[in-house]
Amino acid sequence: MSLPSLAPEERFAAIVAELLLEPNVTPPTAGKAFGSAGLKVHGQIFAMLVHGQLVVKLPKARVDSLIDAGIGQRFTANRERPMKEWVAIAPSSGEQWLPLAREAMRFVAVQR
């Protein structure tokens, strides 16, 4: 079974299981605070599941290119102003979630 055919929660769980094998990556925690459901590297959030979409932190130029390509939309976190370095990827986009999550992990890891 391919990952795109899975429910978003199952797809994200597969990403969590895979990326927890990486050094300094910690799993989502219980709670309702922003990012509690997110994967972290060195304590910083890099990927999370929000309303069935994969939300990842990437460089602004990369976020812009994903949006320009019609692959994602800027993430707002229920704010009026979109966040420059966060993009939401819908399950229907056809984009592979795991490579984007890995890219986000690397981006956030070097920012610390």
N, C-alpha and C. Protein backbone atom coordinates (compact mmCIF):
# COMPACT_ATOMS: atom_id res chain seq x y z
N MET A 1 0.85 -1.18 0.00
CA MET A 1 0.00 0.00 0.00
C MET A 1 0.89 1.24 0.00
N SER A 2 0.61 2.18 -0.88
CA SER A 2 1.43 3.39 -0.94
C SER A 2 0.95 4.38 0.12
N LEU A 3 1.86 5.21 0.61
CA LEU A 3 1.52 6.17 1.65
C LEU A 3 0.43 7.15 1.25
N PRO A 4 0.39 7.65 -0.01
CA PRO A 4 -0.67 8.60 -0.35
C PRO A 4 -2.08 8.03 -0.18
N SER A 5 -2.24 6.72 -0.21
CA SER A 5 -3.56 6.13 -0.05
C SER A 5 -3.97 6.03 1.42
N LEU A 6 -3.05 6.27 2.33
CA LEU A 6 -3.35 6.23 3.76
C LEU A 6 -4.00 7.53 4.21
N ALA A 7 -4.70 7.47 5.32
CA ALA A 7 -5.26 8.67 5.93
C ALA A 7 -4.11 9.58 6.36
N PRO A 8 -4.32 10.89 6.41
CA PRO A 8 -3.25 11.82 6.80
C PRO A 8 -2.60 11.45 8.13
N GLU A 9 -3.39 11.01 9.09
CA GLU A 9 -2.84 10.64 10.40
C GLU A 9 -1.89 9.45 10.29
N GLU A 10 -2.25 8.50 9.43
CA GLU A 10 -1.40 7.33 9.22
C GLU A 10 -0.12 7.71 8.48
N ARG A 11 -0.25 8.60 7.51
CA ARG A 11 0.94 9.07 6.78
C ARG A 11 1.90 9.79 7.72
N PHE A 12 1.35 10.64 8.58
CA PHE A 12 2.21 11.37 9.51
C PHE A 12 2.83 10.41 10.52
N ALA A 13 2.08 9.43 10.98
CA ALA A 13 2.63 8.45 11.92
C ALA A 13 3.80 7.70 11.29
N ALA A 14 3.72 7.39 10.00
CA ALA A 14 4.83 6.73 9.29
C ALA A 14 6.04 7.64 9.23
N ILE A 15 5.82 8.93 9.03
CA ILE A 15 6.92 9.90 9.02
C ILE A 15 7.56 9.97 10.39
N VAL A 16 6.74 10.05 11.43
CA VAL A 16 7.26 10.09 12.80
C VAL A 16 8.11 8.86 13.06
N ALA A 17 7.61 7.69 12.74
CA ALA A 17 8.35 6.44 12.98
C ALA A 17 9.69 6.45 12.25
N GLU A 18 9.71 6.93 11.03
CA GLU A 18 10.94 6.97 10.23
C GLU A 18 11.93 7.99 10.79
N LEU A 19 11.47 9.19 11.09
CA LEU A 19 12.39 10.26 11.50
C LEU A 19 12.84 10.15 12.94
N LEU A 20 12.14 9.37 13.75
CA LEU A 20 12.61 9.16 15.12
C LEU A 20 13.91 8.35 15.14
N LEU A 21 14.25 7.74 14.02
CA LEU A 21 15.52 7.02 13.91
C LEU A 21 16.69 7.98 13.76
N GLU A 22 16.41 9.24 13.47
CA GLU A 22 17.45 10.26 13.28
C GLU A 22 17.89 10.81 14.64
N PRO A 23 19.17 11.20 14.75
CA PRO A 23 19.65 11.76 16.02
C PRO A 23 18.95 13.09 16.32
N ASN A 24 18.69 13.32 17.59
CA ASN A 24 18.14 14.58 18.11
C ASN A 24 16.71 14.88 17.70
N VAL A 25 16.00 13.89 17.14
CA VAL A 25 14.59 14.08 16.77
C VAL A 25 13.74 13.52 17.90
N THR A 26 12.74 14.32 18.31
CA THR A 26 11.83 13.89 19.36
C THR A 26 10.40 13.88 18.83
N PRO A 27 9.58 12.99 19.40
CA PRO A 27 8.22 12.82 18.88
C PRO A 27 7.27 13.91 19.35
N PRO A 28 6.11 13.97 18.72
CA PRO A 28 5.07 14.86 19.19
C PRO A 28 4.69 14.51 20.63
N THR A 29 4.20 15.49 21.37
CA THR A 29 3.79 15.27 22.75
C THR A 29 2.30 15.52 22.89
N ALA A 30 1.77 15.09 23.99
CA ALA A 30 0.34 15.34 24.26
C ALA A 30 0.16 16.81 24.61
N GLY A 31 -1.00 17.32 24.30
CA GLY A 31 -1.30 18.71 24.64
C GLY A 31 -1.91 19.43 23.47
N LYS A 32 -2.35 20.64 23.72
CA LYS A 32 -3.02 21.42 22.69
C LYS A 32 -2.25 22.68 22.32
N ALA A 33 -1.11 22.90 22.91
CA ALA A 33 -0.31 24.09 22.60
C ALA A 33 0.24 23.98 21.18
N PHE A 34 0.52 25.14 20.56
CA PHE A 34 1.08 25.15 19.20
C PHE A 34 2.32 24.28 19.18
N GLY A 35 2.36 23.37 18.22
CA GLY A 35 3.53 22.54 18.02
C GLY A 35 3.62 21.31 18.90
N SER A 36 2.68 21.15 19.83
CA SER A 36 2.77 19.96 20.69
C SER A 36 2.65 18.69 19.87
N ALA A 37 1.95 18.77 18.75
CA ALA A 37 1.79 17.61 17.88
C ALA A 37 2.87 17.55 16.81
N GLY A 38 3.94 18.30 17.01
CA GLY A 38 4.98 18.38 16.00
C GLY A 38 6.22 17.56 16.31
N LEU A 39 6.88 17.16 15.25
CA LEU A 39 8.20 16.54 15.35
C LEU A 39 9.20 17.65 15.60
N LYS A 40 10.18 17.36 16.45
CA LYS A 40 11.19 18.37 16.79
C LYS A 40 12.59 17.82 16.56
N VAL A 41 13.49 18.73 16.22
CA VAL A 41 14.90 18.40 16.17
C VAL A 41 15.60 19.45 17.03
N HIS A 42 16.43 18.99 17.95
CA HIS A 42 17.08 19.89 18.91
C HIS A 42 16.05 20.77 19.62
N GLY A 43 14.86 20.22 19.86
CA GLY A 43 13.82 20.94 20.58
C GLY A 43 13.02 21.94 19.75
N GLN A 44 13.29 22.03 18.46
CA GLN A 44 12.60 22.98 17.58
C GLN A 44 11.68 22.23 16.62
N ILE A 45 10.46 22.70 16.47
CA ILE A 45 9.48 22.05 15.61
C ILE A 45 9.90 22.18 14.14
N PHE A 46 9.77 21.08 13.40
CA PHE A 46 10.03 21.14 11.97
C PHE A 46 8.90 20.56 11.12
N ALA A 47 8.05 19.72 11.70
CA ALA A 47 6.94 19.13 10.94
C ALA A 47 5.80 18.79 11.90
N MET A 48 4.58 19.01 11.42
CA MET A 48 3.41 18.66 12.23
C MET A 48 2.23 18.41 11.31
N LEU A 49 1.24 17.75 11.86
CA LEU A 49 0.00 17.49 11.13
C LEU A 49 -1.05 18.44 11.68
N VAL A 50 -1.60 19.27 10.80
CA VAL A 50 -2.61 20.25 11.21
C VAL A 50 -3.79 20.15 10.25
N HIS A 51 -4.95 19.81 10.80
CA HIS A 51 -6.17 19.69 9.99
C HIS A 51 -5.95 18.80 8.76
N GLY A 52 -5.24 17.69 8.96
CA GLY A 52 -5.03 16.73 7.89
C GLY A 52 -3.98 17.11 6.86
N GLN A 53 -3.26 18.19 7.13
CA GLN A 53 -2.20 18.63 6.21
C GLN A 53 -0.85 18.52 6.90
N LEU A 54 0.17 18.19 6.10
CA LEU A 54 1.53 18.21 6.61
C LEU A 54 2.00 19.66 6.60
N VAL A 55 2.46 20.14 7.74
CA VAL A 55 2.97 21.51 7.84
C VAL A 55 4.44 21.40 8.19
N VAL A 56 5.30 22.02 7.36
CA VAL A 56 6.75 21.94 7.56
C VAL A 56 7.38 23.32 7.52
N LYS A 57 8.49 23.45 8.23
CA LYS A 57 9.26 24.69 8.24
C LYS A 57 10.41 24.56 7.25
N LEU A 58 10.44 25.48 6.28
CA LEU A 58 11.46 25.48 5.23
C LEU A 58 11.89 26.92 4.97
N PRO A 59 13.00 27.11 4.28
CA PRO A 59 13.40 28.48 3.94
C PRO A 59 12.29 29.18 3.14
N LYS A 60 12.15 30.48 3.34
CA LYS A 60 11.10 31.25 2.68
C LYS A 60 11.09 31.02 1.16
N ALA A 61 12.25 31.02 0.54
CA ALA A 61 12.32 30.82 -0.92
C ALA A 61 11.77 29.45 -1.32
N ARG A 62 12.02 28.45 -0.51
CA ARG A 62 11.50 27.10 -0.80
C ARG A 62 9.99 27.07 -0.61
N VAL A 63 9.50 27.71 0.44
CA VAL A 63 8.05 27.81 0.67
C VAL A 63 7.40 28.50 -0.52
N ASP A 64 7.99 29.62 -0.94
CA ASP A 64 7.46 30.36 -2.09
C ASP A 64 7.40 29.48 -3.34
N SER A 65 8.45 28.68 -3.57
CA SER A 65 8.47 27.84 -4.78
C SER A 65 7.41 26.74 -4.71
N LEU A 66 7.18 26.17 -3.53
CA LEU A 66 6.13 25.16 -3.39
C LEU A 66 4.75 25.77 -3.63
N ILE A 67 4.56 26.98 -3.15
CA ILE A 67 3.28 27.67 -3.35
C ILE A 67 3.11 28.03 -4.83
N ASP A 68 4.15 28.57 -5.44
CA ASP A 68 4.10 28.93 -6.86
C ASP A 68 3.81 27.72 -7.75
N ALA A 69 4.30 26.55 -7.33
CA ALA A 69 4.08 25.32 -8.09
C ALA A 69 2.71 24.70 -7.81
N GLY A 70 1.95 25.31 -6.91
CA GLY A 70 0.62 24.80 -6.59
C GLY A 70 0.64 23.59 -5.68
N ILE A 71 1.76 23.36 -5.01
CA ILE A 71 1.92 22.18 -4.16
C ILE A 71 1.44 22.43 -2.74
N GLY A 72 1.56 23.66 -2.26
CA GLY A 72 1.19 23.95 -0.89
C GLY A 72 0.61 25.34 -0.75
N GLN A 73 0.26 25.65 0.48
CA GLN A 73 -0.22 27.00 0.78
C GLN A 73 0.47 27.48 2.05
N ARG A 74 0.62 28.78 2.15
CA ARG A 74 1.28 29.34 3.33
C ARG A 74 0.45 29.03 4.57
N PHE A 75 1.12 28.62 5.63
CA PHE A 75 0.47 28.26 6.88
C PHE A 75 0.24 29.51 7.72
N THR A 76 -0.94 29.61 8.31
CA THR A 76 -1.27 30.80 9.11
C THR A 76 -1.36 30.55 10.60
N ALA A 77 -1.48 29.33 11.05
CA ALA A 77 -1.61 29.00 12.48
C ALA A 77 -2.74 29.80 13.12
N ASN A 78 -3.85 29.94 12.38
CA ASN A 78 -5.03 30.68 12.85
C ASN A 78 -4.74 32.15 13.12
N ARG A 79 -3.77 32.68 12.41
CA ARG A 79 -3.45 34.10 12.51
C ARG A 79 -3.85 34.76 11.20
N GLU A 80 -3.96 36.07 11.24
CA GLU A 80 -4.29 36.78 10.00
C GLU A 80 -3.11 36.79 9.04
N ARG A 81 -1.90 36.94 9.59
CA ARG A 81 -0.70 36.99 8.74
C ARG A 81 -0.11 35.60 8.56
N PRO A 82 0.10 35.21 7.31
CA PRO A 82 0.74 33.91 7.06
C PRO A 82 2.18 33.90 7.58
N MET A 83 2.65 32.72 7.92
CA MET A 83 4.02 32.56 8.42
C MET A 83 4.94 32.31 7.21
N LYS A 84 6.00 33.09 7.10
CA LYS A 84 6.87 33.07 5.91
C LYS A 84 7.59 31.75 5.69
N GLU A 85 7.96 31.06 6.76
CA GLU A 85 8.77 29.85 6.62
C GLU A 85 7.99 28.57 6.88
N TRP A 86 6.67 28.62 6.82
CA TRP A 86 5.87 27.44 7.06
C TRP A 86 4.92 27.23 5.89
N VAL A 87 4.84 25.98 5.43
CA VAL A 87 3.96 25.65 4.31
C VAL A 87 3.12 24.43 4.69
N ALA A 88 1.86 24.46 4.26
CA ALA A 88 0.93 23.34 4.50
C ALA A 88 0.75 22.59 3.19
N ILE A 89 0.91 21.28 3.26
CA ILE A 89 0.80 20.42 2.08
C ILE A 89 -0.40 19.49 2.27
N ALA A 90 -1.37 19.61 1.40
CA ALA A 90 -2.57 18.78 1.48
C ALA A 90 -2.25 17.36 1.01
N PRO A 91 -2.95 16.37 1.54
CA PRO A 91 -2.72 14.99 1.10
C PRO A 91 -3.00 14.81 -0.38
N SER A 92 -3.88 15.61 -0.92
CA SER A 92 -4.25 15.50 -2.34
C SER A 92 -3.24 16.12 -3.28
N SER A 93 -2.21 16.77 -2.75
CA SER A 93 -1.23 17.45 -3.61
C SER A 93 -0.41 16.49 -4.45
N GLY A 94 -0.29 15.25 -4.01
CA GLY A 94 0.55 14.29 -4.73
C GLY A 94 2.01 14.41 -4.34
N GLU A 95 2.35 15.40 -3.56
CA GLU A 95 3.73 15.61 -3.12
C GLU A 95 4.08 14.57 -2.05
N GLN A 96 5.28 14.04 -2.11
CA GLN A 96 5.76 13.08 -1.11
C GLN A 96 6.01 13.81 0.21
N TRP A 97 5.40 13.37 1.26
CA TRP A 97 5.55 14.04 2.56
C TRP A 97 6.88 13.75 3.23
N LEU A 98 7.36 12.52 3.18
CA LEU A 98 8.60 12.18 3.90
C LEU A 98 9.79 13.01 3.42
N PRO A 99 10.04 13.16 2.11
CA PRO A 99 11.17 13.99 1.69
C PRO A 99 11.04 15.45 2.16
N LEU A 100 9.83 15.98 2.18
CA LEU A 100 9.64 17.35 2.67
C LEU A 100 9.93 17.43 4.17
N ALA A 101 9.49 16.43 4.92
CA ALA A 101 9.75 16.42 6.35
C ALA A 101 11.25 16.31 6.63
N ARG A 102 11.95 15.49 5.84
CA ARG A 102 13.42 15.38 5.99
C ARG A 102 14.10 16.72 5.67
N GLU A 103 13.64 17.36 4.61
CA GLU A 103 14.19 18.67 4.22
C GLU A 103 13.97 19.68 5.35
N ALA A 104 12.79 19.67 5.94
CA ALA A 104 12.49 20.57 7.05
C ALA A 104 13.37 20.27 8.26
N MET A 105 13.56 18.98 8.54
CA MET A 105 14.41 18.58 9.66
C MET A 105 15.82 19.12 9.49
N ARG A 106 16.37 18.97 8.29
CA ARG A 106 17.73 19.47 8.02
C ARG A 106 17.78 20.99 8.15
N PHE A 107 16.78 21.68 7.62
CA PHE A 107 16.73 23.14 7.68
C PHE A 107 16.71 23.63 9.13
N VAL A 108 15.84 23.05 9.94
CA VAL A 108 15.72 23.48 11.34
C VAL A 108 16.96 23.09 12.15
N ALA A 109 17.54 21.94 11.86
CA ALA A 109 18.72 21.48 12.60
C ALA A 109 19.89 22.43 12.45
N VAL A 110 20.07 23.03 11.29
CA VAL A 110 21.21 23.93 11.09
C VAL A 110 20.94 25.35 11.58
N GLN A 111 19.69 25.65 11.92
CA GLN A 111 19.35 26.98 12.41
C GLN A 111 19.66 27.18 13.89
N ARG A 112 19.87 26.13 14.61
CA ARG A 112 20.01 26.26 16.08
C ARG A 112 21.27 26.96 16.49
